Amino acid sequence: MIEVIRLNGQRYWLNPHMIEFMEELPDVTLTMLSGKKVVVRNSPEEIIEQIVAYRSRLGITKQEL
C-alpha cells in the first residue's frame, strides 16, 4: 500500500496496482481500475517514487506484461 493525502488532509492508503492512470486537472487525480477517482495533494513524482519503492519491496523490478 502507498500513502496519499486527500485534499482535506486525510491520510489514505491504496493499492498501487489498482491505479489505472494519474492526471493533473490541476489537482492530481488517480483513477482506479474500478473507475473510482481519488483526488490527492501528493505530486505525481511523489506518487511514482512511492510506487517504485513499494514494488521494489515486493521484489517486482521488471515491467509486467
N, C-alpha and C. Protein backbone atom coordinates (compact mmCIF):
# COMPACT_ATOMS: atom_id res chain seq x y z
N MET A 1 0.84 -1.18 0.00
CA MET A 1 0.00 0.00 0.00
C MET A 1 0.89 1.24 0.00
N ILE A 2 0.41 2.29 -0.64
CA ILE A 2 1.10 3.57 -0.59
C ILE A 2 0.19 4.58 0.09
N GLU A 3 0.83 5.57 0.72
CA GLU A 3 0.07 6.60 1.41
C GLU A 3 -0.11 7.81 0.51
N VAL A 4 -1.34 8.29 0.42
CA VAL A 4 -1.64 9.53 -0.27
C VAL A 4 -2.38 10.43 0.71
N ILE A 5 -2.41 11.71 0.42
CA ILE A 5 -3.11 12.66 1.28
C ILE A 5 -4.20 13.34 0.46
N ARG A 6 -5.43 13.18 0.92
CA ARG A 6 -6.56 13.80 0.24
C ARG A 6 -6.51 15.31 0.43
N LEU A 7 -7.29 16.04 -0.35
CA LEU A 7 -7.28 17.49 -0.28
C LEU A 7 -7.65 18.02 1.10
N ASN A 8 -8.46 17.27 1.84
CA ASN A 8 -8.88 17.71 3.19
C ASN A 8 -7.83 17.36 4.25
N GLY A 9 -6.68 16.80 3.84
CA GLY A 9 -5.60 16.47 4.76
C GLY A 9 -5.65 15.06 5.32
N GLN A 10 -6.71 14.33 5.00
CA GLN A 10 -6.86 12.96 5.49
C GLN A 10 -5.86 12.03 4.81
N ARG A 11 -5.13 11.25 5.62
CA ARG A 11 -4.21 10.24 5.07
C ARG A 11 -5.03 9.06 4.59
N TYR A 12 -4.60 8.46 3.49
CA TYR A 12 -5.35 7.42 2.83
C TYR A 12 -4.34 6.46 2.23
N TRP A 13 -4.57 5.17 2.34
CA TRP A 13 -3.66 4.18 1.75
C TRP A 13 -4.39 3.44 0.65
N LEU A 14 -3.69 3.20 -0.44
CA LEU A 14 -4.31 2.45 -1.53
C LEU A 14 -3.31 1.50 -2.18
N ASN A 15 -3.86 0.52 -2.84
CA ASN A 15 -3.05 -0.47 -3.54
C ASN A 15 -2.62 0.13 -4.87
N PRO A 16 -1.32 0.35 -5.08
CA PRO A 16 -0.88 0.99 -6.31
C PRO A 16 -1.12 0.15 -7.57
N HIS A 17 -1.32 -1.15 -7.40
CA HIS A 17 -1.60 -1.99 -8.56
C HIS A 17 -3.01 -1.76 -9.10
N MET A 18 -3.82 -1.04 -8.34
CA MET A 18 -5.19 -0.77 -8.76
C MET A 18 -5.32 0.60 -9.43
N ILE A 19 -4.21 1.34 -9.55
CA ILE A 19 -4.25 2.65 -10.22
C ILE A 19 -4.20 2.41 -11.72
N GLU A 20 -5.20 2.93 -12.43
CA GLU A 20 -5.21 2.81 -13.89
C GLU A 20 -4.41 3.94 -14.53
N PHE A 21 -4.67 5.18 -14.09
CA PHE A 21 -3.88 6.30 -14.56
C PHE A 21 -3.97 7.47 -13.61
N MET A 22 -3.09 8.47 -13.83
CA MET A 22 -2.97 9.63 -12.96
C MET A 22 -2.99 10.87 -13.85
N GLU A 23 -3.74 11.91 -13.42
CA GLU A 23 -3.82 13.15 -14.18
C GLU A 23 -3.65 14.35 -13.25
N GLU A 24 -3.20 15.46 -13.81
CA GLU A 24 -3.20 16.74 -13.10
C GLU A 24 -4.28 17.60 -13.73
N LEU A 25 -5.35 17.91 -12.96
CA LEU A 25 -6.53 18.56 -13.56
C LEU A 25 -6.98 19.85 -12.89
N PRO A 26 -6.38 20.72 -12.22
CA PRO A 26 -4.97 20.82 -11.90
C PRO A 26 -4.58 19.96 -10.69
N ASP A 27 -5.56 19.55 -9.85
CA ASP A 27 -5.21 18.66 -8.73
C ASP A 27 -4.89 17.27 -9.27
N VAL A 28 -4.02 16.56 -8.58
CA VAL A 28 -3.65 15.21 -9.00
C VAL A 28 -4.83 14.28 -8.73
N THR A 29 -5.29 13.62 -9.78
CA THR A 29 -6.43 12.72 -9.70
C THR A 29 -5.99 11.33 -10.13
N LEU A 30 -6.19 10.36 -9.23
CA LEU A 30 -5.88 8.96 -9.53
C LEU A 30 -7.18 8.28 -9.92
N THR A 31 -7.18 7.63 -11.07
CA THR A 31 -8.34 6.85 -11.48
C THR A 31 -8.00 5.39 -11.25
N MET A 32 -8.83 4.74 -10.45
CA MET A 32 -8.60 3.35 -10.09
C MET A 32 -9.23 2.44 -11.14
N LEU A 33 -8.83 1.18 -11.17
CA LEU A 33 -9.39 0.21 -12.11
C LEU A 33 -10.91 0.08 -11.96
N SER A 34 -11.41 0.34 -10.76
CA SER A 34 -12.85 0.26 -10.50
C SER A 34 -13.61 1.45 -11.10
N GLY A 35 -12.86 2.48 -11.54
CA GLY A 35 -13.49 3.70 -12.04
C GLY A 35 -13.55 4.80 -11.00
N LYS A 36 -13.32 4.46 -9.74
CA LYS A 36 -13.33 5.45 -8.66
C LYS A 36 -12.18 6.42 -8.87
N LYS A 37 -12.42 7.70 -8.57
CA LYS A 37 -11.38 8.71 -8.68
C LYS A 37 -11.01 9.19 -7.29
N VAL A 38 -9.71 9.36 -7.06
CA VAL A 38 -9.19 9.84 -5.78
C VAL A 38 -8.35 11.07 -6.07
N VAL A 39 -8.76 12.22 -5.50
CA VAL A 39 -8.03 13.48 -5.69
C VAL A 39 -7.11 13.67 -4.49
N VAL A 40 -5.82 13.91 -4.76
CA VAL A 40 -4.82 13.95 -3.69
C VAL A 40 -3.94 15.20 -3.78
N ARG A 41 -3.29 15.50 -2.64
CA ARG A 41 -2.33 16.61 -2.56
C ARG A 41 -0.96 16.22 -3.10
N ASN A 42 -0.64 14.94 -3.08
CA ASN A 42 0.68 14.46 -3.48
C ASN A 42 0.98 14.86 -4.93
N SER A 43 2.26 15.07 -5.20
CA SER A 43 2.68 15.35 -6.58
C SER A 43 2.78 14.03 -7.34
N PRO A 44 2.67 14.09 -8.67
CA PRO A 44 2.84 12.85 -9.46
C PRO A 44 4.19 12.19 -9.19
N GLU A 45 5.23 13.00 -9.06
CA GLU A 45 6.57 12.45 -8.82
C GLU A 45 6.63 11.70 -7.49
N GLU A 46 6.00 12.25 -6.47
CA GLU A 46 5.97 11.61 -5.16
C GLU A 46 5.23 10.27 -5.23
N ILE A 47 4.13 10.25 -5.94
CA ILE A 47 3.35 9.01 -6.07
C ILE A 47 4.15 7.96 -6.83
N ILE A 48 4.81 8.38 -7.90
CA ILE A 48 5.62 7.44 -8.69
C ILE A 48 6.76 6.88 -7.83
N GLU A 49 7.42 7.74 -7.05
CA GLU A 49 8.50 7.27 -6.16
C GLU A 49 7.98 6.25 -5.16
N GLN A 50 6.79 6.49 -4.61
CA GLN A 50 6.21 5.54 -3.66
C GLN A 50 5.88 4.21 -4.33
N ILE A 51 5.38 4.27 -5.56
CA ILE A 51 5.04 3.04 -6.29
C ILE A 51 6.30 2.24 -6.57
N VAL A 52 7.35 2.92 -7.02
CA VAL A 52 8.62 2.23 -7.31
C VAL A 52 9.17 1.59 -6.04
N ALA A 53 9.14 2.31 -4.91
CA ALA A 53 9.64 1.76 -3.64
C ALA A 53 8.79 0.57 -3.20
N TYR A 54 7.48 0.67 -3.34
CA TYR A 54 6.58 -0.42 -2.97
C TYR A 54 6.86 -1.67 -3.79
N ARG A 55 6.97 -1.49 -5.11
CA ARG A 55 7.23 -2.63 -5.99
C ARG A 55 8.61 -3.23 -5.71
N SER A 56 9.56 -2.40 -5.36
CA SER A 56 10.90 -2.88 -5.03
C SER A 56 10.86 -3.73 -3.77
N ARG A 57 10.09 -3.28 -2.76
CA ARG A 57 9.96 -4.06 -1.52
C ARG A 57 9.32 -5.42 -1.79
N LEU A 58 8.45 -5.49 -2.80
CA LEU A 58 7.80 -6.75 -3.15
C LEU A 58 8.68 -7.63 -4.04
N GLY A 59 9.79 -7.05 -4.52
CA GLY A 59 10.67 -7.80 -5.41
C GLY A 59 10.24 -7.73 -6.86
N ILE A 60 9.38 -6.76 -7.18
CA ILE A 60 8.92 -6.58 -8.56
C ILE A 60 9.73 -5.44 -9.15
N THR A 61 10.72 -5.78 -9.97
CA THR A 61 11.59 -4.74 -10.52
C THR A 61 11.51 -4.65 -12.03
N LYS A 62 10.78 -5.54 -12.66
CA LYS A 62 10.63 -5.50 -14.12
C LYS A 62 9.19 -5.18 -14.47
N GLN A 63 9.00 -4.59 -15.64
CA GLN A 63 7.65 -4.28 -16.10
C GLN A 63 6.88 -5.57 -16.35
N GLU A 64 5.65 -5.60 -15.88
CA GLU A 64 4.80 -6.77 -16.10
C GLU A 64 4.19 -6.71 -17.50
N LEU A 65 3.95 -7.85 -18.08
CA LEU A 65 3.33 -7.89 -19.42
C LEU A 65 1.84 -7.94 -19.31
